Amino acid sequence: MNLLLIGVLLALVAIAYQIGLRRSRSLAGKGNNSATLHSRPGYYGALVALWCGIPAFLILIVWNLIEPNILQHIVLNNIPANVASTLDETGTQVLMDRVKAIASGFGVSDHSAAYEAAAAEQYRKIQTIGSFAKFAVVVCVALLGLVFAKKQISEKYRARNQVEKVINIGLALCSGVAILTTVGIVMSMFSEAVHFFKFVSPMQFFFGTMWDPGFSTSGSAEGSYGLLPLLWGTLMVSGIALLVAVPIGLMIAIYLAEYASPTLRSWAKPTIEILAGIPTIVYGVFALMVIGPFFKEAGEMIGLHINATSALTAGFVMGVMIIPFVSSLSDDIITQVPRSLRDGSLGLGATKSETIRQVVIPAALPGIIGAFLLAASRAIGETMIVVLAAGNSPLLHINPLEAVSTVTVTIVNQLTGDTDFASPQALVAFALGLTLFVITLGLNIVALYIVRKYREQYE
């Protein structure tokens, strides 16, 4: 019914637009001389369409939100008092699921009680009446909006102002979705992290040097919950990845922007960006089966012991994965540097390489730093590569040739399996996630400061 109603509303909106358009053109007179109107005919059509669609869609949304609660209230009123008094929240949900299954005609696996069949019959009747009532109310509101907006059309009516105001409100709401989503994620992690810190002190978590959480059935925090081994492993793997990606990616960007011919650039850049589209699990398997054994054999040839699963293996493969992020964004920024800066440097006698090093790169530095930041954030938040290639060894050491564990890997470990999400063994994942968020926020603040500092020199 909802899909049918949405289709009818969209058809009414299209008809309303045409009605408003024809009405405005008739006011303009022969030849559609819109100079006599305050706004162009399209704005009048859009205004009628908005009045037809927005109130009706809002009523439809509100109706769908409150309808389940009303139906549940009606069903519970048809349940015997001795049965209703024994139902908790879970029992009520189970009962509603059974009533809906019986009302839909599919039935339940076991024998249904008489009161369940009676409640299902009542549920079916009320739902049918509600569907027709919803259809009638929504369509009537849409038609009333169409008639009202059509009567508002006149030569002096400011249709453009009204339509643009609605568009501005819509854009603001869309912008708010991203902000509210971020706030919701942070608040959910923060609330669960607060529960975790009731079991483990913040000092022990943030400054502890051992990670060995014990799993118990009593709900107590057994073992050690030190963050430092995981944080150091994350920084080590991310640092190796940036050491691989930043120089290579920046050199690729400089070559493609300054030296490569248009033909070479046209196929080289898309080819490099293919790396960004490869699933991370493929990189992880490649690291585990190819890169790790290769590093181990290469180390044996020169007398070094390199684990097949290590920070070096994970960091190297991760660096290859984020090369396109650095090269593509840096290339776009470098090509946007004004040609006048290059011409001025060359006109003063500088060579092409000197122009790139002393003029182009400093001018593009804010954007390049943004590319580095994106690469760093991508490296810090990567999971599948380090799950397969880092070794999952939460030990605090400085040897990149040994196995390590990262924050993201630990989050996966703590939230998988048969885990009680109210226990500290699971709640610690939210504290780890909040820590990653703070680290990323810090990177953004530092990058924003650097961008603003250097951008002033070229504005």
Protein backbone atom coordinates (compact mmCIF):
# COMPACT_ATOMS: atom_id res chain seq x y z
CA MET A 1 0.00 0.00 0.00
CA ASN A 2 2.81 2.43 0.83
CA LEU A 3 4.46 1.93 -2.55
CA LEU A 4 1.16 2.47 -4.33
CA LEU A 5 0.51 5.61 -2.30
CA ILE A 6 4.00 6.99 -3.02
CA GLY A 7 3.46 6.35 -6.72
CA VAL A 8 0.11 8.19 -6.63
CA LEU A 9 1.73 11.12 -4.79
CA LEU A 10 4.53 11.37 -7.33
CA ALA A 11 1.97 11.38 -10.13
CA LEU A 12 0.00 14.14 -8.37
CA VAL A 13 3.16 16.18 -7.89
CA ALA A 14 3.94 15.92 -11.61
CA ILE A 15 0.39 16.96 -12.47
CA ALA A 16 0.58 19.85 -9.98
CA TYR A 17 3.75 21.13 -11.62
CA GLN A 18 2.06 21.16 -15.03
CA ILE A 19 -1.01 22.90 -13.62
CA GLY A 20 1.10 25.62 -12.02
CA LEU A 21 3.15 26.02 -15.17
CA ARG A 22 0.07 26.40 -17.39
CA ARG A 23 -1.60 28.76 -14.93
CA SER A 24 1.45 31.07 -14.86
CA ARG A 25 1.75 31.02 -18.65
CA SER A 26 -1.88 31.92 -19.03
CA LEU A 27 -1.31 34.94 -16.77
CA ALA A 28 1.67 35.95 -18.93
CA GLY A 29 -0.62 36.14 -21.94
CA LYS A 30 0.01 35.19 -25.52
CA GLY A 31 3.62 34.47 -26.41
CA ASN A 32 4.29 33.47 -22.80
CA ASN A 33 5.68 36.91 -21.98
CA SER A 34 7.01 36.16 -18.50
CA ALA A 35 8.17 39.76 -18.09
CA THR A 36 4.75 40.54 -16.59
CA LEU A 37 5.29 37.94 -13.84
CA HIS A 38 7.43 38.34 -10.74
CA SER A 39 8.99 34.88 -11.29
CA ARG A 40 9.54 32.63 -14.25
CA PRO A 41 6.75 30.11 -15.00
CA GLY A 42 8.87 27.19 -13.80
CA TYR A 43 8.91 28.61 -10.27
CA TYR A 44 5.12 28.75 -10.16
CA GLY A 45 4.96 25.14 -11.29
CA ALA A 46 7.52 24.12 -8.67
CA LEU A 47 5.58 26.01 -5.98
CA VAL A 48 2.35 24.15 -6.73
CA ALA A 49 4.24 20.84 -6.82
CA LEU A 50 5.85 21.56 -3.43
CA TRP A 51 2.53 22.46 -1.81
CA CYS A 52 1.05 19.28 -3.26
CA GLY A 53 3.87 16.95 -2.25
CA ILE A 54 5.53 18.13 0.99
CA PRO A 55 2.50 18.20 3.36
CA ALA A 56 1.25 14.88 2.01
CA PHE A 57 4.64 13.18 2.36
CA LEU A 58 5.03 14.54 5.91
CA ILE A 59 1.64 13.13 6.90
CA LEU A 60 2.58 9.79 5.32
CA ILE A 61 5.83 9.65 7.31
CA VAL A 62 4.16 10.57 10.61
CA TRP A 63 1.32 8.11 9.99
CA ASN A 64 3.77 5.26 9.34
CA LEU A 65 5.67 6.12 12.53
CA ILE A 66 2.68 6.10 14.88
CA GLU A 67 0.61 3.37 13.20
CA PRO A 68 2.57 0.39 14.68
CA ASN A 69 2.15 1.73 18.22
CA ILE A 70 -1.59 2.21 17.73
CA LEU A 71 -1.97 -1.30 16.32
CA GLN A 72 0.02 -2.76 19.19
CA HIS A 73 -2.16 -0.91 21.71
CA ILE A 74 -5.32 -2.25 20.07
CA VAL A 75 -3.96 -5.81 20.03
CA LEU A 76 -2.97 -5.70 23.69
CA ASN A 77 -6.45 -4.48 24.60
CA ASN A 78 -7.83 -7.68 23.02
CA ILE A 79 -5.56 -9.91 25.11
CA PRO A 80 -6.97 -11.37 28.33
CA ALA A 81 -5.88 -9.45 31.41
CA ASN A 82 -4.26 -12.48 33.04
CA VAL A 83 -2.08 -12.98 29.95
CA ALA A 84 -1.24 -9.29 29.43
CA SER A 85 -0.10 -8.92 33.04
CA THR A 86 2.60 -11.56 32.55
CA LEU A 87 4.12 -9.97 29.42
CA ASP A 88 7.36 -8.03 29.63
CA GLU A 89 8.90 -6.07 26.75
CA THR A 90 10.35 -9.18 25.11
CA GLY A 91 7.14 -11.15 25.59
CA THR A 92 5.10 -8.34 24.07
CA GLN A 93 7.32 -8.30 20.99
CA VAL A 94 7.03 -12.09 20.62
CA LEU A 95 3.25 -11.88 20.94
CA MET A 96 3.04 -9.13 18.31
CA ASP A 97 5.17 -11.17 15.92
CA ARG A 98 2.83 -14.14 16.34
CA VAL A 99 -0.27 -12.00 15.86
CA LYS A 100 1.19 -10.44 12.69
CA ALA A 101 2.10 -13.87 11.34
CA ILE A 102 -1.41 -15.17 11.95
CA ALA A 103 -2.99 -12.03 10.47
CA SER A 104 -0.84 -12.29 7.33
CA GLY A 105 -2.14 -15.79 6.68
CA PHE A 106 1.20 -17.56 7.03
CA GLY A 107 0.39 -18.72 10.55
CA VAL A 108 2.78 -19.95 13.23
CA SER A 109 4.67 -23.18 13.64
CA ASP A 110 2.75 -24.30 16.74
CA HIS A 111 -0.95 -24.17 17.63
CA SER A 112 -2.21 -20.63 18.19
CA ALA A 113 -4.34 -19.78 21.23
CA ALA A 114 -7.90 -18.55 20.85
CA TYR A 115 -7.01 -15.06 22.10
CA GLU A 116 -4.17 -14.88 19.55
CA ALA A 117 -6.55 -15.72 16.70
CA ALA A 118 -9.04 -13.10 17.95
CA ALA A 119 -6.29 -10.49 18.26
CA ALA A 120 -5.04 -11.33 14.76
CA GLU A 121 -8.53 -10.89 13.33
CA GLN A 122 -8.85 -7.51 15.04
CA TYR A 123 -5.36 -6.56 13.87
CA ARG A 124 -6.26 -7.42 10.27
CA LYS A 125 -9.44 -5.35 10.36
CA ILE A 126 -7.82 -2.29 11.92
CA GLN A 127 -4.86 -2.52 9.55
CA THR A 128 -7.16 -2.65 6.51
CA ILE A 129 -9.21 0.30 7.73
CA GLY A 130 -6.03 2.22 8.52
CA SER A 131 -4.58 1.60 5.08
CA PHE A 132 -7.64 2.95 3.29
CA ALA A 133 -7.86 5.87 5.71
CA LYS A 134 -4.18 6.69 5.17
CA PHE A 135 -4.62 6.58 1.41
CA ALA A 136 -7.65 8.85 1.55
CA VAL A 137 -6.14 11.37 3.98
CA VAL A 138 -2.81 11.66 2.17
CA VAL A 139 -4.40 12.05 -1.27
CA CYS A 140 -6.91 14.62 0.04
CA VAL A 141 -4.10 16.65 1.64
CA ALA A 142 -2.17 16.55 -1.63
CA LEU A 143 -5.21 17.76 -3.59
CA LEU A 144 -5.93 20.50 -1.05
CA GLY A 145 -2.34 21.68 -1.30
CA LEU A 146 -2.60 21.71 -5.09
CA VAL A 147 -5.80 23.79 -5.03
CA PHE A 148 -4.45 26.20 -2.42
CA ALA A 149 -1.18 26.81 -4.29
CA LYS A 150 -2.98 27.27 -7.59
CA LYS A 151 -5.14 30.03 -6.07
CA GLN A 152 -2.01 31.80 -4.82
CA ILE A 153 -0.64 32.24 -8.33
CA SER A 154 -0.75 35.84 -9.50
CA GLU A 155 1.46 38.23 -11.42
CA LYS A 156 2.90 39.74 -8.23
CA TYR A 157 3.24 36.55 -6.21
CA ARG A 158 6.89 35.89 -5.26
CA ALA A 159 7.02 32.25 -6.24
CA ARG A 160 10.78 32.24 -6.75
CA ASN A 161 11.40 33.45 -3.19
CA GLN A 162 9.18 30.73 -1.75
CA VAL A 163 10.70 27.94 -3.83
CA GLU A 164 14.27 29.00 -3.05
CA LYS A 165 13.44 29.20 0.65
CA VAL A 166 12.20 25.60 0.57
CA ILE A 167 15.32 24.54 -1.35
CA ASN A 168 17.55 26.26 1.22
CA ILE A 169 15.75 24.47 4.04
CA GLY A 170 16.17 21.15 2.21
CA LEU A 171 19.88 21.74 1.70
CA ALA A 172 20.29 22.67 5.37
CA LEU A 173 18.51 19.47 6.41
CA CYS A 174 20.74 17.39 4.15
CA SER A 175 23.79 19.06 5.65
CA GLY A 176 22.44 18.36 9.11
CA VAL A 177 22.15 14.64 8.35
CA ALA A 178 25.93 14.32 8.10
CA ILE A 179 26.46 16.34 11.28
CA LEU A 180 23.82 14.46 13.25
CA THR A 181 25.17 11.12 12.03
CA THR A 182 28.64 12.05 13.28
CA VAL A 183 27.24 13.25 16.61
CA GLY A 184 25.19 10.05 16.95
CA ILE A 185 28.21 7.84 16.30
CA VAL A 186 30.33 9.75 18.80
CA MET A 187 27.64 9.77 21.47
CA SER A 188 26.96 6.05 21.09
CA MET A 189 30.66 5.24 21.39
CA PHE A 190 31.08 7.66 24.27
CA SER A 191 28.18 6.24 26.28
CA GLU A 192 29.42 2.67 25.89
CA ALA A 193 32.99 3.75 26.66
CA VAL A 194 31.74 5.31 29.92
CA HIS A 195 30.25 1.93 30.85
CA PHE A 196 33.59 0.29 30.11
CA PHE A 197 35.47 2.73 32.36
CA LYS A 198 33.25 1.61 35.24
CA PHE A 199 35.09 -1.73 35.04
CA VAL A 200 38.58 -0.51 34.08
CA SER A 201 40.12 2.77 35.17
CA PRO A 202 41.12 5.23 32.41
CA MET A 203 44.68 5.31 33.73
CA GLN A 204 45.01 1.55 33.36
CA PHE A 205 43.49 1.67 29.88
CA PHE A 206 45.37 4.62 28.37
CA PHE A 207 48.75 3.99 30.01
CA GLY A 208 48.79 0.23 30.42
CA THR A 209 51.57 -1.64 28.62
CA MET A 210 49.94 -5.09 28.52
CA TRP A 211 46.93 -6.25 26.53
CA ASP A 212 45.57 -9.56 27.78
CA PRO A 213 41.80 -9.31 28.38
CA GLY A 214 40.36 -12.24 30.27
CA PHE A 215 36.94 -13.57 29.38
CA SER A 216 34.79 -14.38 32.37
CA THR A 217 31.14 -15.23 32.89
CA SER A 218 30.82 -13.02 35.95
CA GLY A 219 30.94 -9.76 33.99
CA SER A 220 34.04 -8.51 35.77
CA ALA A 221 37.12 -7.10 34.08
CA GLU A 222 39.74 -9.81 34.28
CA GLY A 223 43.17 -9.54 32.71
CA SER A 224 44.97 -6.45 31.37
CA TYR A 225 43.48 -3.75 29.17
CA GLY A 226 46.50 -1.62 28.27
CA LEU A 227 46.08 0.48 25.13
CA LEU A 228 49.72 1.29 24.43
CA PRO A 229 50.66 -1.98 22.63
CA LEU A 230 47.69 -1.60 20.28
CA LEU A 231 48.27 2.10 19.74
CA TRP A 232 51.96 1.58 19.02
CA GLY A 233 51.17 -1.22 16.59
CA THR A 234 48.67 1.03 14.79
CA LEU A 235 51.16 3.87 14.53
CA MET A 236 53.95 1.52 13.40
CA VAL A 237 51.91 -0.06 10.61
CA SER A 238 50.48 3.32 9.53
CA GLY A 239 53.94 4.91 9.58
CA ILE A 240 55.37 2.20 7.33
CA ALA A 241 52.40 2.58 4.99
CA LEU A 242 52.94 6.34 4.75
CA LEU A 243 56.67 5.88 4.16
CA VAL A 244 55.73 3.75 1.15
CA ALA A 245 52.75 5.72 -0.15
CA VAL A 246 53.72 9.36 0.35
CA PRO A 247 57.01 9.49 -1.61
CA ILE A 248 55.80 7.21 -4.39
CA GLY A 249 52.40 8.86 -4.63
CA LEU A 250 53.85 12.37 -4.65
CA MET A 251 56.43 11.49 -7.31
CA ILE A 252 53.71 9.93 -9.46
CA ALA A 253 51.61 13.08 -9.08
CA ILE A 254 54.51 15.37 -10.02
CA TYR A 255 55.38 13.28 -13.07
CA LEU A 256 51.81 13.06 -14.33
CA ALA A 257 51.14 16.78 -13.75
CA GLU A 258 54.43 18.25 -15.00
CA TYR A 259 56.26 15.80 -17.24
CA ALA A 260 53.90 13.21 -18.71
CA SER A 261 52.40 13.71 -22.15
CA PRO A 262 48.60 14.02 -22.38
CA THR A 263 48.39 10.57 -23.95
CA LEU A 264 50.41 8.91 -21.20
CA ARG A 265 48.48 10.79 -18.52
CA SER A 266 45.13 9.78 -20.00
CA TRP A 267 45.75 6.08 -19.40
CA ALA A 268 48.33 6.10 -16.58
CA LYS A 269 46.18 7.93 -14.03
CA PRO A 270 43.11 5.65 -14.37
CA THR A 271 45.39 2.62 -14.25
CA ILE A 272 46.93 3.75 -10.97
CA GLU A 273 43.51 4.54 -9.51
CA ILE A 274 42.45 0.93 -10.11
CA LEU A 275 44.47 0.11 -6.99
CA ALA A 276 41.94 2.05 -4.92
CA GLY A 277 39.09 -0.12 -6.20
CA ILE A 278 40.61 -3.47 -5.22
CA PRO A 279 38.89 -4.88 -2.08
CA THR A 280 41.07 -4.75 1.01
CA ILE A 281 40.55 -8.46 1.65
CA VAL A 282 42.37 -9.10 -1.65
CA TYR A 283 45.28 -7.01 -0.43
CA GLY A 284 45.26 -8.96 2.82
CA VAL A 285 45.40 -12.32 1.09
CA PHE A 286 48.12 -10.99 -1.24
CA ALA A 287 50.15 -9.84 1.76
CA LEU A 288 49.68 -13.15 3.57
CA MET A 289 50.49 -15.44 0.63
CA VAL A 290 52.98 -13.41 -1.44
CA ILE A 291 54.55 -10.41 0.30
CA GLY A 292 55.00 -12.02 3.72
CA PRO A 293 56.84 -15.12 2.43
CA PHE A 294 58.88 -12.92 0.05
CA PHE A 295 60.08 -10.69 2.91
CA LYS A 296 60.86 -13.75 5.02
CA GLU A 297 62.98 -15.34 2.28
CA ALA A 298 64.67 -12.01 1.49
CA GLY A 299 65.53 -11.58 5.16
CA GLU A 300 67.05 -15.06 5.35
CA MET A 301 69.27 -14.22 2.39
CA ILE A 302 70.81 -11.27 4.26
CA GLY A 303 70.74 -12.82 7.72
CA LEU A 304 67.63 -11.12 9.12
CA HIS A 305 64.71 -12.85 10.78
CA ILE A 306 61.51 -11.40 9.32
CA ASN A 307 58.17 -12.89 10.25
CA ALA A 308 55.85 -13.58 7.35
CA THR A 309 53.14 -11.77 9.32
CA SER A 310 54.63 -8.56 10.66
CA ALA A 311 54.24 -4.80 10.81
CA LEU A 312 56.50 -4.52 7.78
CA THR A 313 54.32 -6.82 5.67
CA ALA A 314 51.06 -5.13 6.63
CA GLY A 315 52.50 -1.62 6.33
CA PHE A 316 54.06 -2.23 2.92
CA VAL A 317 50.89 -3.66 1.37
CA MET A 318 48.78 -0.97 2.99
CA GLY A 319 51.13 1.64 1.53
CA VAL A 320 50.61 0.19 -1.94
CA MET A 321 46.86 0.35 -1.39
CA ILE A 322 46.81 4.05 -0.44
CA ILE A 323 49.17 5.22 -3.21
CA PRO A 324 46.19 6.24 -5.40
CA PHE A 325 44.79 8.43 -2.59
CA VAL A 326 48.03 10.38 -2.44
CA SER A 327 48.83 10.48 -6.16
CA SER A 328 45.34 11.31 -7.46
CA LEU A 329 44.59 14.08 -4.99
CA SER A 330 48.08 15.55 -5.21
CA ASP A 331 47.90 15.49 -9.01
CA ASP A 332 44.58 17.35 -8.97
CA ILE A 333 46.01 20.00 -6.63
CA ILE A 334 49.24 20.46 -8.56
CA THR A 335 47.41 20.91 -11.87
CA GLN A 336 45.30 23.66 -10.27
CA VAL A 337 48.32 25.82 -9.43
CA PRO A 338 48.03 28.97 -11.61
CA ARG A 339 50.06 28.88 -14.79
CA SER A 340 51.25 32.42 -14.08
CA LEU A 341 53.36 31.17 -11.16
CA ARG A 342 55.15 28.69 -13.40
CA ASP A 343 55.65 31.25 -16.16
CA GLY A 344 57.01 33.81 -13.73
CA SER A 345 59.54 31.36 -12.31
CA LEU A 346 60.67 30.18 -15.73
CA GLY A 347 60.88 33.78 -16.92
CA LEU A 348 63.32 34.58 -14.08
CA GLY A 349 65.64 31.83 -15.32
CA ALA A 350 64.67 28.92 -13.04
CA THR A 351 64.78 25.43 -14.45
CA LYS A 352 61.71 23.22 -14.61
CA SER A 353 62.80 21.17 -11.59
CA GLU A 354 63.55 24.33 -9.59
CA THR A 355 60.13 25.71 -10.50
CA ILE A 356 58.48 22.53 -9.28
CA ARG A 357 60.45 22.42 -6.02
CA GLN A 358 60.37 26.11 -5.13
CA VAL A 359 57.10 27.35 -6.65
CA VAL A 360 54.62 24.63 -7.59
CA ILE A 361 54.98 22.36 -4.54
CA PRO A 362 54.82 25.22 -1.98
CA ALA A 363 51.78 26.64 -3.74
CA ALA A 364 50.06 23.23 -3.73
CA LEU A 365 51.19 22.34 -0.22
CA PRO A 366 47.81 22.78 1.52
CA GLY A 367 46.14 20.36 -0.87
CA ILE A 368 49.05 17.93 -0.70
CA ILE A 369 48.83 17.92 3.09
CA GLY A 370 45.13 17.14 2.72
CA ALA A 371 46.06 14.16 0.54
CA PHE A 372 48.55 12.99 3.18
CA LEU A 373 45.90 13.35 5.85
CA LEU A 374 43.45 11.24 3.86
CA ALA A 375 46.12 8.59 3.40
CA ALA A 376 46.95 8.63 7.13
CA SER A 377 43.28 8.32 8.10
CA ARG A 378 42.86 5.46 5.63
CA ALA A 379 45.89 3.69 7.04
CA ILE A 380 44.86 4.12 10.68
CA GLY A 381 41.37 2.79 10.03
CA GLU A 382 42.35 -0.17 7.85
CA THR A 383 41.30 -3.56 9.21
CA MET A 384 41.41 -6.51 6.81
CA ILE A 385 45.05 -6.12 5.75
CA VAL A 386 46.31 -6.00 9.33
CA VAL A 387 43.99 -8.83 10.37
CA LEU A 388 45.67 -11.14 7.87
CA ALA A 389 49.18 -9.74 7.61
CA ALA A 390 50.15 -8.11 10.92
CA GLY A 391 50.14 -11.26 13.06
CA ASN A 392 47.75 -10.17 15.85
CA SER A 393 50.40 -10.07 18.56
CA PRO A 394 49.55 -7.28 21.08
CA LEU A 395 53.09 -6.86 22.40
CA LEU A 396 54.88 -3.58 22.99
CA HIS A 397 58.10 -3.64 20.96
CA ILE A 398 59.84 -1.46 18.38
CA ASN A 399 60.84 -4.16 15.90
CA PRO A 400 58.79 -3.77 12.68
CA LEU A 401 59.96 -7.23 11.58
CA GLU A 402 57.87 -8.91 14.28
CA ALA A 403 54.13 -9.44 14.55
CA VAL A 404 51.98 -6.68 16.04
CA SER A 405 48.32 -5.94 16.65
CA THR A 406 46.39 -2.76 15.95
CA VAL A 407 43.35 -1.05 17.41
CA THR A 408 41.09 -2.02 14.51
CA VAL A 409 42.09 -5.68 14.69
CA THR A 410 41.37 -5.73 18.41
CA ILE A 411 37.93 -4.19 17.87
CA VAL A 412 37.13 -7.02 15.46
CA ASN A 413 38.39 -9.62 17.92
CA GLN A 414 36.42 -8.22 20.86
CA LEU A 415 33.13 -7.99 18.98
CA THR A 416 33.18 -11.37 17.22
CA GLY A 417 32.06 -14.64 18.68
CA ASP A 418 29.53 -15.35 21.41
CA THR A 419 30.13 -12.23 23.50
CA ASP A 420 27.96 -10.49 26.06
CA PHE A 421 27.81 -6.90 24.85
CA ALA A 422 27.35 -5.67 28.43
CA SER A 423 30.66 -7.18 29.55
CA PRO A 424 33.93 -5.21 29.65
CA GLN A 425 35.41 -7.63 27.11
CA ALA A 426 32.97 -6.23 24.51
CA LEU A 427 32.62 -2.67 25.82
CA VAL A 428 36.35 -2.12 25.39
CA ALA A 429 35.76 -2.06 21.61
CA PHE A 430 33.82 1.19 21.99
CA ALA A 431 36.61 2.74 24.03
CA LEU A 432 39.07 1.72 21.31
CA GLY A 433 36.80 3.17 18.61
CA LEU A 434 36.50 6.45 20.51
CA THR A 435 40.29 6.58 20.76
CA LEU A 436 40.62 6.18 16.99
CA PHE A 437 38.11 8.98 16.50
CA VAL A 438 40.10 11.33 18.73
CA ILE A 439 43.32 10.50 16.86
CA THR A 440 41.69 11.22 13.50
CA LEU A 441 40.21 14.45 14.85
CA GLY A 442 43.66 15.51 16.00
CA LEU A 443 45.08 14.85 12.55
CA ASN A 444 42.35 17.00 11.01
CA ILE A 445 43.02 19.88 13.41
CA VAL A 446 46.76 19.84 12.71
CA ALA A 447 46.21 19.65 8.96
CA LEU A 448 43.67 22.51 9.06
CA TYR A 449 46.18 24.69 10.90
CA ILE A 450 48.91 23.97 8.34
CA VAL A 451 46.55 24.53 5.42
CA ARG A 452 45.45 27.92 6.72
CA LYS A 453 49.02 28.99 7.46
CA TYR A 454 50.36 28.26 3.99
CA ARG A 455 47.25 29.22 2.04
CA GLU A 456 47.58 32.85 3.10
CA GLN A 457 50.79 33.19 1.16
CA TYR A 458 49.09 32.46 -2.20
CA GLU A 459 45.70 34.13 -1.88
